[in-house]
Amino acid sequence: MSDAPAGPARPGWEPLSEDVRRCLELLLPQADGLLGGYRAQVPYARMHRGECSCPCVYLSVDAERVGPAARPADGRPVASGSLTDAQESYLGEAMLFVHDGFLADLQFCVWEDLGALEPPLWERLTPY
């Protein structure tokens, strides 16, 4: 990860955890185009944990340090993958959402009746 400072410091927002950063890097492989533009925002992003029991996080990117990426045509995730337990059994999905060309929300949708999702999440994530 870059030594550049992450996004704007605001109350409740913190630097990306290693787990969240690695999840983003898996979902946004080194590439040109849409996903490459979002991957370039990772070093300038901060996170705010959601208030529910899931490990979802809101994302904020410092727009003064990096510009917006190409905007997708609709509200679908720009990247996603499957989540598994330690025995590689399916538990749910990871989905990355954006807003106005910036990283906005990393959601982990886990089926509760299939078991708990234990960190580190990036070790349980297989991008589509």
Protein backbone atom coordinates (compact mmCIF):
# COMPACT_ATOMS: atom_id res chain seq x y z
CA MET A 1 0.00 0.00 0.00
CA SER A 2 1.11 3.54 -0.68
CA ASP A 3 2.59 5.78 1.99
CA ALA A 4 0.18 8.51 0.88
CA PRO A 5 -2.32 9.59 3.49
CA ALA A 6 -5.77 8.06 3.25
CA GLY A 7 -9.02 9.98 2.76
CA PRO A 8 -10.25 12.93 4.80
CA ALA A 9 -10.08 12.61 8.59
CA ARG A 10 -13.62 12.88 9.95
CA PRO A 11 -15.08 11.70 13.25
CA GLY A 12 -15.90 7.98 13.14
CA TRP A 13 -13.76 7.36 10.05
CA GLU A 14 -10.49 5.45 10.32
CA PRO A 15 -7.78 4.16 8.00
CA LEU A 16 -8.64 0.97 6.15
CA SER A 17 -7.97 -2.15 8.18
CA GLU A 18 -5.61 -4.64 6.58
CA ASP A 19 -8.55 -7.01 6.10
CA VAL A 20 -10.68 -4.43 4.27
CA ARG A 21 -7.72 -3.24 2.17
CA ARG A 22 -6.92 -6.81 1.08
CA CYS A 23 -10.59 -7.48 0.26
CA LEU A 24 -10.65 -4.37 -1.94
CA GLU A 25 -7.42 -5.40 -3.66
CA LEU A 26 -8.87 -8.85 -4.41
CA LEU A 27 -12.10 -7.40 -5.76
CA LEU A 28 -10.24 -4.75 -7.78
CA PRO A 29 -7.38 -6.54 -9.54
CA GLN A 30 -4.63 -4.54 -11.20
CA ALA A 31 -6.34 -3.54 -14.42
CA ASP A 32 -7.08 -0.67 -16.72
CA GLY A 33 -10.55 0.69 -17.16
CA LEU A 34 -13.35 0.75 -14.62
CA LEU A 35 -11.88 -1.49 -11.92
CA GLY A 36 -8.40 -0.02 -12.27
CA GLY A 37 -9.80 3.45 -11.61
CA TYR A 38 -11.40 2.24 -8.39
CA ARG A 39 -8.28 0.36 -7.30
CA ALA A 40 -6.32 3.63 -7.59
CA GLN A 41 -8.62 5.07 -4.89
CA VAL A 42 -7.77 2.43 -2.25
CA PRO A 43 -4.71 4.27 -0.82
CA TYR A 44 -6.88 7.40 -0.37
CA ALA A 45 -9.84 5.65 1.27
CA ARG A 46 -11.00 5.55 4.88
CA MET A 47 -13.64 3.36 6.44
CA HIS A 48 -16.52 3.63 8.88
CA ARG A 49 -17.87 0.40 10.32
CA GLY A 50 -21.58 -0.23 9.94
CA GLU A 51 -23.79 -0.39 13.00
CA CYS A 52 -25.08 -3.91 12.36
CA SER A 53 -23.36 -7.13 13.46
CA CYS A 54 -22.00 -7.87 9.96
CA PRO A 55 -18.48 -6.76 8.98
CA CYS A 56 -19.77 -4.26 6.35
CA VAL A 57 -17.98 -0.93 6.03
CA TYR A 58 -18.74 2.42 4.45
CA LEU A 59 -15.92 3.92 2.42
CA SER A 60 -14.86 7.53 1.88
CA VAL A 61 -12.24 8.59 -0.65
CA ASP A 62 -10.24 11.83 -0.50
CA ALA A 63 -11.43 13.43 -3.75
CA GLU A 64 -8.72 16.09 -3.48
CA ARG A 65 -6.01 13.44 -3.86
CA VAL A 66 -7.55 11.12 -6.47
CA GLY A 67 -10.26 11.64 -9.05
CA PRO A 68 -13.42 9.67 -9.70
CA ALA A 69 -13.38 6.49 -11.75
CA ALA A 70 -15.74 5.80 -14.63
CA ARG A 71 -19.28 5.52 -13.36
CA PRO A 72 -21.25 2.32 -13.90
CA ALA A 73 -24.62 2.65 -15.61
CA ASP A 74 -26.74 1.54 -12.65
CA GLY A 75 -26.72 0.71 -8.93
CA ARG A 76 -25.33 -2.81 -9.23
CA PRO A 77 -22.06 -3.71 -7.49
CA VAL A 78 -18.92 -2.91 -9.49
CA ALA A 79 -17.22 -6.01 -8.07
CA SER A 80 -18.30 -9.06 -6.09
CA GLY A 81 -17.17 -12.45 -4.87
CA SER A 82 -18.16 -15.44 -2.81
CA LEU A 83 -17.37 -15.94 0.88
CA THR A 84 -16.57 -19.32 2.38
CA ASP A 85 -15.80 -20.77 5.79
CA ALA A 86 -12.51 -22.47 6.71
CA GLN A 87 -13.75 -25.70 5.05
CA GLU A 88 -14.49 -23.72 1.85
CA SER A 89 -18.26 -24.10 2.22
CA TYR A 90 -20.28 -21.24 0.73
CA LEU A 91 -21.44 -18.65 3.30
CA GLY A 92 -22.49 -15.65 1.22
CA GLU A 93 -21.30 -12.77 -0.93
CA ALA A 94 -19.06 -9.72 -0.83
CA MET A 95 -20.22 -6.77 -2.93
CA LEU A 96 -18.51 -3.46 -3.60
CA PHE A 97 -20.69 -0.44 -4.36
CA VAL A 98 -19.66 3.00 -5.59
CA HIS A 99 -21.27 6.44 -5.69
CA ASP A 100 -20.46 9.22 -8.16
CA GLY A 101 -17.25 7.46 -9.25
CA PHE A 102 -15.90 6.78 -5.75
CA LEU A 103 -15.71 3.72 -3.51
CA ALA A 104 -18.70 3.88 -1.14
CA ASP A 105 -19.72 0.61 0.50
CA LEU A 106 -18.23 -2.86 1.00
CA GLN A 107 -21.05 -5.23 1.94
CA PHE A 108 -20.65 -8.76 3.28
CA CYS A 109 -23.97 -10.59 2.90
CA VAL A 110 -23.73 -13.82 4.85
CA TRP A 111 -26.50 -16.39 5.24
CA GLU A 112 -26.77 -16.71 9.03
CA ASP A 113 -27.96 -20.30 8.94
CA LEU A 114 -24.79 -21.34 7.05
CA GLY A 115 -22.43 -20.32 9.87
CA ALA A 116 -20.37 -17.39 11.05
CA LEU A 117 -17.82 -15.60 8.92
CA GLU A 118 -14.56 -15.31 10.83
CA PRO A 119 -11.84 -12.80 9.92
CA PRO A 120 -9.62 -12.40 8.09
CA LEU A 121 -12.29 -11.97 5.43
CA TRP A 122 -9.86 -11.63 2.52
CA GLU A 123 -8.78 -15.24 3.09
CA ARG A 124 -12.44 -16.29 2.63
CA LEU A 125 -13.09 -14.20 -0.50
CA THR A 126 -13.04 -15.47 -4.08
CA PRO A 127 -13.76 -12.70 -6.63
CA TYR A 128 -16.09 -13.43 -9.57
